[in-house]
């Protein structure tokens, strides 16, 4: 819990002016922080952040504000300017967390996107990609052909197909795991279905 802020003995404009003149900079910086930090702290708490994260972002916002204080022309708008910085810090924090989640999802997949391949044909089971020739791929030779056909698909499309068929994941789950839109997932699966059907049909015609 942060201490209750007391109104500064001097106005914000006067404090900023003294900082710019080099008068008791450390003391005056502390005055601004003591008065406005609790407001930023509550701002971050209302955004759903933990107390610890709220304190960290409050400090980060003030560091950015103090570094850019010389660029603030209208000192009477300091509070509005400070909260604008605080919002930017919050957005940057969200983006960093989302990027970490995406990286974690990618790392959790056993191989990188460009090198991912389907190797174990014994586990290859058709789940939802469609009917026609795919439903006929029951014998080992046909199953191997399907595996090879999938491995020839573009890397990202290949991963989408694998998650759909092998893992039975929904389009939204695939989109979240790969870090792409649901629309892109659907497009990949539709293109993969057409490509695999064409290749498997040609293979079946050779076998007949």
C-alpha atoms as a PDB file:
ATOM      1  CA  UNK A   1       0.000   0.000   0.000  1.00  0.00           C
ATOM      2  CA  UNK A   2       1.467   3.333  -1.042  1.00  0.00           C
ATOM      3  CA  UNK A   3       1.376   6.262   1.458  1.00  0.00           C
ATOM      4  CA  UNK A   4      -1.357   8.851   1.154  1.00  0.00           C
ATOM      5  CA  UNK A   5      -0.127  11.777  -0.899  1.00  0.00           C
ATOM      6  CA  UNK A   6      -0.047  15.249   0.589  1.00  0.00           C
ATOM      7  CA  UNK A   7      -0.546  18.304  -1.613  1.00  0.00           C
ATOM      8  CA  UNK A   8       2.805  19.911  -2.438  1.00  0.00           C
ATOM      9  CA  UNK A   9       3.558  23.130  -0.606  1.00  0.00           C
ATOM     10  CA  UNK A  10       4.276  24.682  -3.968  1.00  0.00           C
ATOM     11  CA  UNK A  11       2.321  24.373  -7.199  1.00  0.00           C
ATOM     12  CA  UNK A  12       3.388  21.852  -9.797  1.00  0.00           C
ATOM     13  CA  UNK A  13       4.335  24.695 -12.128  1.00  0.00           C
ATOM     14  CA  UNK A  14       6.622  26.226  -9.508  1.00  0.00           C
ATOM     15  CA  UNK A  15       8.275  22.888  -8.774  1.00  0.00           C
ATOM     16  CA  UNK A  16       8.929  22.221 -12.468  1.00  0.00           C
ATOM     17  CA  UNK A  17      10.336  25.702 -12.907  1.00  0.00           C
ATOM     18  CA  UNK A  18      12.778  25.145 -10.041  1.00  0.00           C
ATOM     19  CA  UNK A  19      13.855  21.820 -11.554  1.00  0.00           C
ATOM     20  CA  UNK A  20      14.535  23.518 -14.865  1.00  0.00           C
ATOM     21  CA  UNK A  21      16.629  26.157 -13.119  1.00  0.00           C
ATOM     22  CA  UNK A  22      18.641  23.447 -11.380  1.00  0.00           C
ATOM     23  CA  UNK A  23      17.424  24.325  -7.890  1.00  0.00           C
ATOM     24  CA  UNK A  24      17.161  21.372  -5.499  1.00  0.00           C
ATOM     25  CA  UNK A  25      16.362  19.013  -8.367  1.00  0.00           C
ATOM     26  CA  UNK A  26      16.379  15.852  -6.263  1.00  0.00           C
ATOM     27  CA  UNK A  27      14.068  17.357  -3.660  1.00  0.00           C
ATOM     28  CA  UNK A  28      11.684  18.716  -6.249  1.00  0.00           C
ATOM     29  CA  UNK A  29      11.592  15.465  -8.218  1.00  0.00           C
ATOM     30  CA  UNK A  30      10.677  13.730  -4.979  1.00  0.00           C
ATOM     31  CA  UNK A  31       7.905  16.252  -4.364  1.00  0.00           C
ATOM     32  CA  UNK A  32       6.326  15.484  -7.722  1.00  0.00           C
ATOM     33  CA  UNK A  33       6.685  11.756  -7.192  1.00  0.00           C
ATOM     34  CA  UNK A  34       5.248  11.827  -3.680  1.00  0.00           C
ATOM     35  CA  UNK A  35       2.196  13.731  -4.831  1.00  0.00           C
ATOM     36  CA  UNK A  36       1.387  12.011  -8.137  1.00  0.00           C
ATOM     37  CA  UNK A  37       2.688   8.464  -7.623  1.00  0.00           C
ATOM     38  CA  UNK A  38      -0.374   7.284  -5.719  1.00  0.00           C
ATOM     39  CA  UNK A  39      -2.622   8.481  -8.546  1.00  0.00           C
ATOM     40  CA  UNK A  40      -0.643   6.447 -11.085  1.00  0.00           C
ATOM     41  CA  UNK A  41      -0.561   3.482  -8.748  1.00  0.00           C
ATOM     42  CA  UNK A  42      -4.371   3.477  -8.515  1.00  0.00           C
ATOM     43  CA  UNK A  43      -4.572   3.917 -12.288  1.00  0.00           C
ATOM     44  CA  UNK A  44      -2.606   0.700 -12.839  1.00  0.00           C
ATOM     45  CA  UNK A  45      -4.547  -1.200 -10.178  1.00  0.00           C
ATOM     46  CA  UNK A  46      -7.795  -0.319 -11.957  1.00  0.00           C
ATOM     47  CA  UNK A  47      -6.283  -1.790 -15.127  1.00  0.00           C
ATOM     48  CA  UNK A  48      -6.136  -5.129 -13.334  1.00  0.00           C
ATOM     49  CA  UNK A  49      -2.403  -5.193 -12.613  1.00  0.00           C
ATOM     50  CA  UNK A  50      -1.003  -6.657  -9.413  1.00  0.00           C
ATOM     51  CA  UNK A  51       0.243  -4.299  -6.673  1.00  0.00           C
ATOM     52  CA  UNK A  52       3.836  -5.229  -7.511  1.00  0.00           C
ATOM     53  CA  UNK A  53       3.402  -4.587 -11.247  1.00  0.00           C
ATOM     54  CA  UNK A  54       1.529  -1.363 -10.485  1.00  0.00           C
ATOM     55  CA  UNK A  55       4.441  -0.095  -8.395  1.00  0.00           C
ATOM     56  CA  UNK A  56       6.947  -1.079 -11.078  1.00  0.00           C
ATOM     57  CA  UNK A  57       5.031   0.666 -13.861  1.00  0.00           C
ATOM     58  CA  UNK A  58       4.492   3.741 -11.672  1.00  0.00           C
ATOM     59  CA  UNK A  59       8.244   4.057 -11.252  1.00  0.00           C
ATOM     60  CA  UNK A  60       8.815   3.420 -14.955  1.00  0.00           C
ATOM     61  CA  UNK A  61       6.308   6.119 -15.917  1.00  0.00           C
ATOM     62  CA  UNK A  62       7.970   8.658 -13.617  1.00  0.00           C
ATOM     63  CA  UNK A  63      11.427   7.859 -14.964  1.00  0.00           C
ATOM     64  CA  UNK A  64      10.142   8.528 -18.496  1.00  0.00           C
ATOM     65  CA  UNK A  65       8.403  11.702 -17.344  1.00  0.00           C
ATOM     66  CA  UNK A  66      11.445  13.064 -15.558  1.00  0.00           C
ATOM     67  CA  UNK A  67      13.656  12.362 -18.571  1.00  0.00           C
ATOM     68  CA  UNK A  68      11.271  14.258 -20.827  1.00  0.00           C
ATOM     69  CA  UNK A  69      10.376  17.044 -18.436  1.00  0.00           C
ATOM     70  CA  UNK A  70      12.443  19.550 -20.368  1.00  0.00           C
ATOM     71  CA  UNK A  71      10.175  19.007 -23.397  1.00  0.00           C
ATOM     72  CA  UNK A  72       6.982  19.858 -21.513  1.00  0.00           C
ATOM     73  CA  UNK A  73       5.947  23.344 -22.618  1.00  0.00           C
ATOM     74  CA  UNK A  74       2.632  23.764 -20.817  1.00  0.00           C
ATOM     75  CA  UNK A  75       3.561  22.969 -17.234  1.00  0.00           C
ATOM     76  CA  UNK A  76      -0.032  23.480 -16.044  1.00  0.00           C
ATOM     77  CA  UNK A  77      -0.903  20.343 -18.028  1.00  0.00           C
ATOM     78  CA  UNK A  78       1.680  18.208 -16.218  1.00  0.00           C
ATOM     79  CA  UNK A  79      -0.877  15.775 -14.793  1.00  0.00           C
ATOM     80  CA  UNK A  80      -2.494  15.181 -18.187  1.00  0.00           C
ATOM     81  CA  UNK A  81       0.944  14.723 -19.762  1.00  0.00           C
ATOM     82  CA  UNK A  82       2.033  12.355 -16.985  1.00  0.00           C
ATOM     83  CA  UNK A  83      -1.014  10.142 -17.423  1.00  0.00           C
ATOM     84  CA  UNK A  84      -0.447  10.032 -21.162  1.00  0.00           C
ATOM     85  CA  UNK A  85       3.018   8.648 -20.445  1.00  0.00           C
ATOM     86  CA  UNK A  86       1.506   6.212 -17.934  1.00  0.00           C
ATOM     87  CA  UNK A  87      -0.916   4.894 -20.551  1.00  0.00           C
ATOM     88  CA  UNK A  88       1.920   4.397 -23.032  1.00  0.00           C
ATOM     89  CA  UNK A  89       3.893   2.499 -20.402  1.00  0.00           C
ATOM     90  CA  UNK A  90       0.840   0.317 -19.757  1.00  0.00           C
ATOM     91  CA  UNK A  91       0.377  -0.427 -23.477  1.00  0.00           C
ATOM     92  CA  UNK A  92       4.067  -1.271 -23.887  1.00  0.00           C
ATOM     93  CA  UNK A  93       3.814  -3.615 -20.912  1.00  0.00           C
ATOM     94  CA  UNK A  94       0.836  -5.412 -22.475  1.00  0.00           C
ATOM     95  CA  UNK A  95       2.642  -5.772 -25.798  1.00  0.00           C
ATOM     96  CA  UNK A  96       5.700  -7.229 -24.074  1.00  0.00           C
ATOM     97  CA  UNK A  97       3.570  -9.765 -22.206  1.00  0.00           C
ATOM     98  CA  UNK A  98       1.777 -10.772 -25.395  1.00  0.00           C
ATOM     99  CA  UNK A  99       5.106 -11.152 -27.185  1.00  0.00           C
ATOM    100  CA  UNK A 100       6.387 -13.395 -24.376  1.00  0.00           C
ATOM    101  CA  UNK A 101       3.245 -15.537 -24.615  1.00  0.00           C
ATOM    102  CA  UNK A 102       3.691 -15.909 -28.356  1.00  0.00           C
ATOM    103  CA  UNK A 103       7.332 -16.869 -27.894  1.00  0.00           C
ATOM    104  CA  UNK A 104       6.410 -19.356 -25.177  1.00  0.00           C
ATOM    105  CA  UNK A 105       3.824 -20.969 -27.444  1.00  0.00           C
ATOM    106  CA  UNK A 106       6.350 -21.255 -30.248  1.00  0.00           C
ATOM    107  CA  UNK A 107       8.998 -22.730 -27.959  1.00  0.00           C
ATOM    108  CA  UNK A 108       6.484 -25.191 -26.524  1.00  0.00           C
ATOM    109  CA  UNK A 109       6.086 -26.716 -29.992  1.00  0.00           C
ATOM    110  CA  UNK A 110       8.830 -29.277 -30.311  1.00  0.00           C
ATOM    111  CA  UNK A 111      10.518 -27.738 -33.345  1.00  0.00           C
ATOM    112  CA  UNK A 112      10.778 -24.370 -35.069  1.00  0.00           C
ATOM    113  CA  UNK A 113       8.267 -23.373 -37.734  1.00  0.00           C
ATOM    114  CA  UNK A 114      10.679 -23.730 -40.640  1.00  0.00           C
ATOM    115  CA  UNK A 115      11.906 -27.194 -39.646  1.00  0.00           C
ATOM    116  CA  UNK A 116       8.697 -28.736 -38.277  1.00  0.00           C
ATOM    117  CA  UNK A 117       7.948 -32.093 -39.924  1.00  0.00           C
ATOM    118  CA  UNK A 118       5.553 -34.971 -39.353  1.00  0.00           C
ATOM    119  CA  UNK A 119       7.755 -38.015 -38.717  1.00  0.00           C
ATOM    120  CA  UNK A 120       5.690 -40.650 -36.896  1.00  0.00           C
ATOM    121  CA  UNK A 121       3.234 -42.098 -39.397  1.00  0.00           C
ATOM    122  CA  UNK A 122       1.852 -44.524 -36.790  1.00  0.00           C
ATOM    123  CA  UNK A 123       0.301 -41.561 -34.946  1.00  0.00           C
ATOM    124  CA  UNK A 124      -1.087 -39.965 -38.093  1.00  0.00           C
ATOM    125  CA  UNK A 125      -4.890 -40.076 -37.736  1.00  0.00           C
ATOM    126  CA  UNK A 126      -7.336 -38.145 -39.920  1.00  0.00           C
ATOM    127  CA  UNK A 127      -9.607 -36.043 -37.761  1.00  0.00           C
ATOM    128  CA  UNK A 128     -11.355 -33.114 -39.420  1.00  0.00           C
ATOM    129  CA  UNK A 129      -9.692 -32.046 -42.652  1.00  0.00           C
ATOM    130  CA  UNK A 130     -12.324 -33.653 -44.832  1.00  0.00           C
ATOM    131  CA  UNK A 131     -13.695 -36.577 -46.747  1.00  0.00           C
ATOM    132  CA  UNK A 132     -13.037 -38.094 -50.162  1.00  0.00           C
ATOM    133  CA  UNK A 133      -9.431 -39.324 -50.600  1.00  0.00           C
ATOM    134  CA  UNK A 134      -8.431 -38.387 -47.050  1.00  0.00           C
ATOM    135  CA  UNK A 135     -10.890 -40.900 -45.617  1.00  0.00           C
ATOM    136  CA  UNK A 136      -9.356 -43.587 -47.857  1.00  0.00           C
ATOM    137  CA  UNK A 137      -5.861 -43.157 -46.424  1.00  0.00           C
ATOM    138  CA  UNK A 138      -6.007 -46.175 -44.138  1.00  0.00           C
ATOM    139  CA  UNK A 139      -3.302 -48.428 -45.422  1.00  0.00           C
ATOM    140  CA  UNK A 140       0.296 -47.812 -44.504  1.00  0.00           C
ATOM    141  CA  UNK A 141       1.430 -46.824 -47.996  1.00  0.00           C
ATOM    142  CA  UNK A 142      -1.354 -44.287 -48.332  1.00  0.00           C
ATOM    143  CA  UNK A 143      -0.715 -42.974 -44.833  1.00  0.00           C
ATOM    144  CA  UNK A 144       2.943 -42.483 -45.699  1.00  0.00           C
ATOM    145  CA  UNK A 145       1.959 -40.603 -48.820  1.00  0.00           C
ATOM    146  CA  UNK A 146      -0.228 -38.307 -46.748  1.00  0.00           C
ATOM    147  CA  UNK A 147       2.644 -37.663 -44.351  1.00  0.00           C
ATOM    148  CA  UNK A 148       4.985 -36.816 -47.212  1.00  0.00           C
ATOM    149  CA  UNK A 149       2.367 -34.577 -48.796  1.00  0.00           C
ATOM    150  CA  UNK A 150       1.893 -32.654 -45.553  1.00  0.00           C
ATOM    151  CA  UNK A 151       5.650 -32.238 -45.147  1.00  0.00           C
ATOM    152  CA  UNK A 152       5.793 -30.620 -48.580  1.00  0.00           C
ATOM    153  CA  UNK A 153       3.341 -27.901 -47.521  1.00  0.00           C
ATOM    154  CA  UNK A 154       4.646 -24.430 -46.558  1.00  0.00           C
ATOM    155  CA  UNK A 155       5.890 -24.373 -42.943  1.00  0.00           C
ATOM    156  CA  UNK A 156       3.103 -22.355 -41.348  1.00  0.00           C
ATOM    157  CA  UNK A 157       0.390 -24.216 -43.265  1.00  0.00           C
ATOM    158  CA  UNK A 158       2.023 -27.498 -42.239  1.00  0.00           C
ATOM    159  CA  UNK A 159       1.800 -26.613 -38.563  1.00  0.00           C
ATOM    160  CA  UNK A 160      -1.853 -25.631 -38.878  1.00  0.00           C
ATOM    161  CA  UNK A 161      -2.677 -28.946 -40.547  1.00  0.00           C
ATOM    162  CA  UNK A 162      -0.755 -30.902 -37.904  1.00  0.00           C
ATOM    163  CA  UNK A 163      -2.566 -29.178 -35.030  1.00  0.00           C
ATOM    164  CA  UNK A 164      -5.929 -29.709 -36.691  1.00  0.00           C
ATOM    165  CA  UNK A 165      -5.436 -33.355 -37.585  1.00  0.00           C
ATOM    166  CA  UNK A 166      -3.110 -34.673 -34.903  1.00  0.00           C
ATOM    167  CA  UNK A 167      -4.207 -32.546 -31.964  1.00  0.00           C
ATOM    168  CA  UNK A 168      -7.840 -31.920 -32.880  1.00  0.00           C
ATOM    169  CA  UNK A 169      -7.423 -28.242 -32.007  1.00  0.00           C
ATOM    170  CA  UNK A 170     -10.028 -25.645 -32.942  1.00  0.00           C
ATOM    171  CA  UNK A 171      -9.214 -22.876 -35.429  1.00  0.00           C
ATOM    172  CA  UNK A 172      -9.066 -20.350 -32.580  1.00  0.00           C
ATOM    173  CA  UNK A 173      -6.682 -22.531 -30.578  1.00  0.00           C
ATOM    174  CA  UNK A 174      -4.438 -22.914 -33.621  1.00  0.00           C
ATOM    175  CA  UNK A 175      -4.503 -19.158 -34.238  1.00  0.00           C
ATOM    176  CA  UNK A 176      -3.479 -18.486 -30.618  1.00  0.00           C
ATOM    177  CA  UNK A 177      -0.714 -21.090 -30.698  1.00  0.00           C
ATOM    178  CA  UNK A 178       0.831 -19.974 -33.988  1.00  0.00           C
ATOM    179  CA  UNK A 179       0.228 -16.255 -33.466  1.00  0.00           C
ATOM    180  CA  UNK A 180      -1.913 -15.634 -36.553  1.00  0.00           C
ATOM    181  CA  UNK A 181      -5.542 -14.720 -37.193  1.00  0.00           C
ATOM    182  CA  UNK A 182      -8.383 -17.235 -37.346  1.00  0.00           C
ATOM    183  CA  UNK A 183      -9.002 -16.112 -40.932  1.00  0.00           C
ATOM    184  CA  UNK A 184      -5.435 -17.066 -41.854  1.00  0.00           C
ATOM    185  CA  UNK A 185      -5.845 -20.461 -40.177  1.00  0.00           C
ATOM    186  CA  UNK A 186      -9.003 -21.151 -42.190  1.00  0.00           C
ATOM    187  CA  UNK A 187      -7.256 -20.101 -45.409  1.00  0.00           C
ATOM    188  CA  UNK A 188      -4.300 -22.405 -44.653  1.00  0.00           C
ATOM    189  CA  UNK A 189      -6.567 -25.386 -43.948  1.00  0.00           C
ATOM    190  CA  UNK A 190      -8.662 -24.840 -47.067  1.00  0.00           C
ATOM    191  CA  UNK A 191      -5.580 -24.557 -49.272  1.00  0.00           C
ATOM    192  CA  UNK A 192      -4.016 -27.595 -47.596  1.00  0.00           C
ATOM    193  CA  UNK A 193      -7.192 -29.612 -48.140  1.00  0.00           C
ATOM    194  CA  UNK A 194      -7.201 -28.798 -51.864  1.00  0.00           C
ATOM    195  CA  UNK A 195      -3.489 -29.537 -52.233  1.00  0.00           C
ATOM    196  CA  UNK A 196      -3.622 -32.829 -50.331  1.00  0.00           C
ATOM    197  CA  UNK A 197      -6.697 -34.028 -52.211  1.00  0.00           C
ATOM    198  CA  UNK A 198      -5.060 -33.366 -55.559  1.00  0.00           C
ATOM    199  CA  UNK A 199      -1.850 -35.156 -54.584  1.00  0.00           C
ATOM    200  CA  UNK A 200      -3.590 -38.109 -52.972  1.00  0.00           C
ATOM    201  CA  UNK A 201      -5.949 -38.524 -55.895  1.00  0.00           C
ATOM    202  CA  UNK A 202      -2.968 -38.710 -58.239  1.00  0.00           C
ATOM    203  CA  UNK A 203      -1.355 -41.269 -55.920  1.00  0.00           C
ATOM    204  CA  UNK A 204      -4.533 -43.372 -55.808  1.00  0.00           C
ATOM    205  CA  UNK A 205      -4.818 -43.318 -59.581  1.00  0.00           C
ATOM    206  CA  UNK A 206      -1.302 -44.783 -59.788  1.00  0.00           C
ATOM    207  CA  UNK A 207      -2.162 -47.524 -57.305  1.00  0.00           C
ATOM    208  CA  UNK A 208      -5.376 -48.589 -59.088  1.00  0.00           C
END
